[in-house]
C-alpha atoms as a PDB file:
ATOM      1  CA  MET A   1      11.276   8.873   4.401  1.00  0.00           C
ATOM      2  CA  ILE A   2      12.702   5.823   3.114  1.00  0.00           C
ATOM      3  CA  ARG A   3      12.396   2.511   5.263  1.00  0.00           C
ATOM      4  CA  ILE A   4      12.825  -1.240   5.053  1.00  0.00           C
ATOM      5  CA  SER A   5      10.965  -2.636   7.832  1.00  0.00           C
ATOM      6  CA  ARG A   6       9.975  -6.092   9.348  1.00  0.00           C
ATOM      7  CA  GLU A   7       7.129  -4.470  11.111  1.00  0.00           C
ATOM      8  CA  ASP A   8       3.804  -3.380   9.434  1.00  0.00           C
ATOM      9  CA  PHE A   9       3.063   0.369   8.550  1.00  0.00           C
ATOM     10  CA  ASP A  10       0.053   2.940   8.554  1.00  0.00           C
ATOM     11  CA  LEU A  11      -0.463   4.329   5.187  1.00  0.00           C
ATOM     12  CA  CYS A  12      -2.697   6.920   6.598  1.00  0.00           C
ATOM     13  CA  ARG A  13      -0.286   8.126   9.217  1.00  0.00           C
ATOM     14  CA  MET A  14       2.470   8.285   6.166  1.00  0.00           C
ATOM     15  CA  ILE A  15       0.017  10.663   4.425  1.00  0.00           C
ATOM     16  CA  ARG A  16      -0.673  12.731   7.542  1.00  0.00           C
ATOM     17  CA  GLU A  17       3.073  13.233   8.298  1.00  0.00           C
ATOM     18  CA  ALA A  18       4.099  13.939   4.582  1.00  0.00           C
ATOM     19  CA  GLY A  19       1.734  17.241   4.494  1.00  0.00           C
ATOM     20  CA  THR A  20       3.313  20.414   3.599  1.00  0.00           C
ATOM     21  CA  GLY A  21       1.649  23.923   3.293  1.00  0.00           C
ATOM     22  CA  GLY A  22       2.327  23.687  -0.549  1.00  0.00           C
ATOM     23  CA  THR A  23       0.956  20.242  -0.769  1.00  0.00           C
ATOM     24  CA  GLY A  24      -2.428  20.037  -2.808  1.00  0.00           C
ATOM     25  CA  GLY A  25      -2.820  16.366  -2.789  1.00  0.00           C
ATOM     26  CA  PHE A  26      -1.351  13.220  -2.206  1.00  0.00           C
ATOM     27  CA  VAL A  27      -1.116   9.769  -4.350  1.00  0.00           C
ATOM     28  CA  SER A  28      -0.409   6.604  -2.642  1.00  0.00           C
ATOM     29  CA  PHE A  29       0.318   3.081  -3.499  1.00  0.00           C
ATOM     30  CA  LEU A  30      -0.219   0.090  -1.219  1.00  0.00           C
ATOM     31  CA  GLY A  31       0.917  -3.308  -2.361  1.00  0.00           C
ATOM     32  CA  THR A  32      -0.298  -6.338  -0.628  1.00  0.00           C
ATOM     33  CA  VAL A  33       0.309  -9.917  -0.394  1.00  0.00           C
ATOM     34  CA  ARG A  34      -2.545 -11.396  -3.019  1.00  0.00           C
ATOM     35  CA  ASP A  35      -4.135 -14.889  -2.739  1.00  0.00           C
ATOM     36  CA  ASP A  36      -3.243 -16.280  -6.122  1.00  0.00           C
ATOM     37  CA  GLY A  37      -2.446 -19.930  -4.656  1.00  0.00           C
ATOM     38  CA  ILE A  38       0.076 -19.062  -2.140  1.00  0.00           C
ATOM     39  CA  GLU A  39      -0.411 -19.126   1.731  1.00  0.00           C
ATOM     40  CA  SER A  40       2.498 -16.820   2.697  1.00  0.00           C
ATOM     41  CA  MET A  41       5.873 -15.303   1.425  1.00  0.00           C
ATOM     42  CA  ASP A  42       9.360 -14.391   2.427  1.00  0.00           C
ATOM     43  CA  LEU A  43      10.977 -11.292   1.378  1.00  0.00           C
ATOM     44  CA  GLU A  44      14.493 -11.340   1.524  1.00  0.00           C
ATOM     45  CA  VAL A  45      16.725  -7.976   1.086  1.00  0.00           C
ATOM     46  CA  TYR A  46      20.311  -6.758   0.801  1.00  0.00           C
ATOM     47  CA  GLU A  47      19.342  -3.978   2.942  1.00  0.00           C
ATOM     48  CA  GLU A  48      22.262  -1.448   2.638  1.00  0.00           C
ATOM     49  CA  VAL A  49      21.854  -1.644  -1.205  1.00  0.00           C
ATOM     50  CA  ALA A  50      18.001  -1.479  -1.040  1.00  0.00           C
ATOM     51  CA  GLU A  51      17.900   1.480   1.060  1.00  0.00           C
ATOM     52  CA  LYS A  52      20.459   3.332  -1.109  1.00  0.00           C
ATOM     53  CA  GLU A  53      18.533   2.348  -4.193  1.00  0.00           C
ATOM     54  CA  LEU A  54      15.072   3.512  -2.613  1.00  0.00           C
ATOM     55  CA  LYS A  55      16.816   6.913  -2.119  1.00  0.00           C
ATOM     56  CA  GLU A  56      18.008   7.143  -5.346  1.00  0.00           C
ATOM     57  CA  ILE A  57      14.425   6.457  -6.885  1.00  0.00           C
ATOM     58  CA  ARG A  58      13.099   9.176  -4.503  1.00  0.00           C
ATOM     59  CA  ASN A  59      15.498  11.495  -5.829  1.00  0.00           C
ATOM     60  CA  GLU A  60      15.059  10.331  -9.523  1.00  0.00           C
ATOM     61  CA  ALA A  61      11.202  11.045  -9.042  1.00  0.00           C
ATOM     62  CA  LEU A  62      11.956  14.382  -7.277  1.00  0.00           C
ATOM     63  CA  ARG A  63      13.812  15.746 -10.210  1.00  0.00           C
ATOM     64  CA  ARG A  64      11.881  14.084 -13.100  1.00  0.00           C
ATOM     65  CA  PHE A  65       8.294  15.339 -11.635  1.00  0.00           C
ATOM     66  CA  ASP A  66       6.778  18.497 -10.301  1.00  0.00           C
ATOM     67  CA  ILE A  67       6.075  16.698  -6.766  1.00  0.00           C
ATOM     68  CA  ILE A  68       6.978  17.894  -3.400  1.00  0.00           C
ATOM     69  CA  SER A  69       7.745  14.833  -1.012  1.00  0.00           C
ATOM     70  CA  VAL A  70       8.237  10.869  -1.616  1.00  0.00           C
ATOM     71  CA  ASP A  71       7.704   8.469   1.411  1.00  0.00           C
ATOM     72  CA  ILE A  72       8.537   4.774   0.569  1.00  0.00           C
ATOM     73  CA  VAL A  73       8.420   1.919   3.275  1.00  0.00           C
ATOM     74  CA  HIS A  74       9.133  -1.789   1.834  1.00  0.00           C
ATOM     75  CA  ARG A  75       8.337  -4.760   4.285  1.00  0.00           C
ATOM     76  CA  VAL A  76      10.653  -7.859   4.374  1.00  0.00           C
ATOM     77  CA  GLY A  77      10.490 -10.864   6.364  1.00  0.00           C
ATOM     78  CA  HIS A  78       7.533 -13.539   6.632  1.00  0.00           C
ATOM     79  CA  LEU A  79       4.105 -12.288   5.225  1.00  0.00           C
ATOM     80  CA  LYS A  80       0.716 -13.763   4.833  1.00  0.00           C
ATOM     81  CA  VAL A  81      -2.163 -13.207   2.380  1.00  0.00           C
ATOM     82  CA  GLY A  82      -3.618  -9.724   2.966  1.00  0.00           C
ATOM     83  CA  ASP A  83      -0.408  -8.285   4.604  1.00  0.00           C
ATOM     84  CA  GLN A  84       0.964  -4.815   3.538  1.00  0.00           C
ATOM     85  CA  ILE A  85       4.132  -5.313   1.448  1.00  0.00           C
ATOM     86  CA  VAL A  86       5.018  -1.784   0.088  1.00  0.00           C
ATOM     87  CA  GLY A  87       3.528   1.797   0.687  1.00  0.00           C
ATOM     88  CA  ILE A  88       4.412   5.009  -1.267  1.00  0.00           C
ATOM     89  CA  VAL A  89       3.120   8.210  -0.692  1.00  0.00           C
ATOM     90  CA  VAL A  90       3.742  11.121  -3.151  1.00  0.00           C
ATOM     91  CA  GLY A  91       2.644  14.910  -2.428  1.00  0.00           C
ATOM     92  CA  ALA A  92       2.468  17.469  -4.955  1.00  0.00           C
ATOM     93  CA  SER A  93       0.863  20.699  -5.930  1.00  0.00           C
ATOM     94  CA  HIS A  94      -1.200  18.833  -8.489  1.00  0.00           C
ATOM     95  CA  ARG A  95      -2.611  15.203  -9.003  1.00  0.00           C
ATOM     96  CA  LYS A  96      -1.082  14.509 -12.225  1.00  0.00           C
ATOM     97  CA  ALA A  97       2.434  14.780 -11.524  1.00  0.00           C
ATOM     98  CA  ALA A  98       1.862  12.908  -8.097  1.00  0.00           C
ATOM     99  CA  PHE A  99      -0.174  10.030 -10.188  1.00  0.00           C
ATOM    100  CA  GLU A 100       2.788  10.017 -12.657  1.00  0.00           C
ATOM    101  CA  ALA A 101       5.641   9.922 -10.074  1.00  0.00           C
ATOM    102  CA  CYS A 102       3.671   7.266  -8.059  1.00  0.00           C
ATOM    103  CA  GLU A 103       3.765   4.844 -11.018  1.00  0.00           C
ATOM    104  CA  TYR A 104       7.390   5.719 -12.200  1.00  0.00           C
ATOM    105  CA  ILE A 105       8.314   5.045  -8.298  1.00  0.00           C
ATOM    106  CA  ILE A 106       6.843   1.437  -8.151  1.00  0.00           C
ATOM    107  CA  ASP A 107       7.864   0.466 -11.623  1.00  0.00           C
ATOM    108  CA  ARG A 108      11.672   1.296 -10.643  1.00  0.00           C
ATOM    109  CA  ILE A 109      11.309  -0.305  -7.336  1.00  0.00           C
ATOM    110  CA  LYS A 110      10.322  -3.707  -9.241  1.00  0.00           C
ATOM    111  CA  GLU A 111      13.030  -3.017 -11.465  1.00  0.00           C
ATOM    112  CA  SER A 112      15.939  -2.474  -9.190  1.00  0.00           C
ATOM    113  CA  VAL A 113      15.808  -2.694  -5.733  1.00  0.00           C
ATOM    114  CA  PRO A 114      17.457  -5.849  -4.286  1.00  0.00           C
ATOM    115  CA  ILE A 115      14.453  -7.566  -2.523  1.00  0.00           C
ATOM    116  CA  TRP A 116      13.543 -11.377  -3.295  1.00  0.00           C
ATOM    117  CA  LYS A 117      10.341 -13.058  -3.043  1.00  0.00           C
ATOM    118  CA  GLN A 118       9.955 -16.937  -2.136  1.00  0.00           C
ATOM    119  CA  GLU A 119       6.437 -18.215  -2.252  1.00  0.00           C
ATOM    120  CA  HIS A 120       4.867 -20.764  -0.122  1.00  0.00           C
ATOM    121  CA  THR A 121       2.029 -22.787  -1.440  1.00  0.00           C
ATOM    122  CA  PRO A 122       0.211 -26.283  -0.277  1.00  0.00           C
ATOM    123  CA  SER A 123       2.501 -27.935  -2.359  1.00  0.00           C
ATOM    124  CA  GLY A 124       5.738 -26.551  -1.483  1.00  0.00           C
ATOM    125  CA  SER A 125       7.928 -23.371  -1.713  1.00  0.00           C
ATOM    126  CA  ARG A 126       9.781 -21.552  -4.535  1.00  0.00           C
ATOM    127  CA  TRP A 127      11.739 -18.665  -5.288  1.00  0.00           C
ATOM    128  CA  VAL A 128      10.107 -16.227  -7.895  1.00  0.00           C
ATOM    129  CA  PRO A 129      12.342 -15.132 -10.935  1.00  0.00           C
ATOM    130  CA  GLY A 130      12.414 -11.587 -11.968  1.00  0.00           C
ATOM    131  CA  GLU A 131      10.437  -8.762 -10.458  1.00  0.00           C
ATOM    132  CA  HIS A 132      10.228  -9.191  -6.713  1.00  0.00           C
END
């Protein structure tokens, strides 16, 4: 499952739904809005390109690592401190491949998926350059 969403998601449900008979374990990543001086943020997306890129990242991970499944959801819209931004679930027969694949996936998302972040602080708003 690959999804761009304005709605929150349930990481535990993602894990439950990713299971197969051959899956020995899951590695998940949950990115949240952290309190580093901001009050909230807006995430904007070029949705068609972002979904296509997320699918390609999933397919790259499936080719490069000995894994069984990859599920990714990335939120957009207005988010507050503590809100979930991105969830990744990687299923594999063995943990090492799942850990490596999960790290690869989040790094690739930050490098190439067209999602932009505007942070809102008590003193104003600013677009954050580089990684989203």
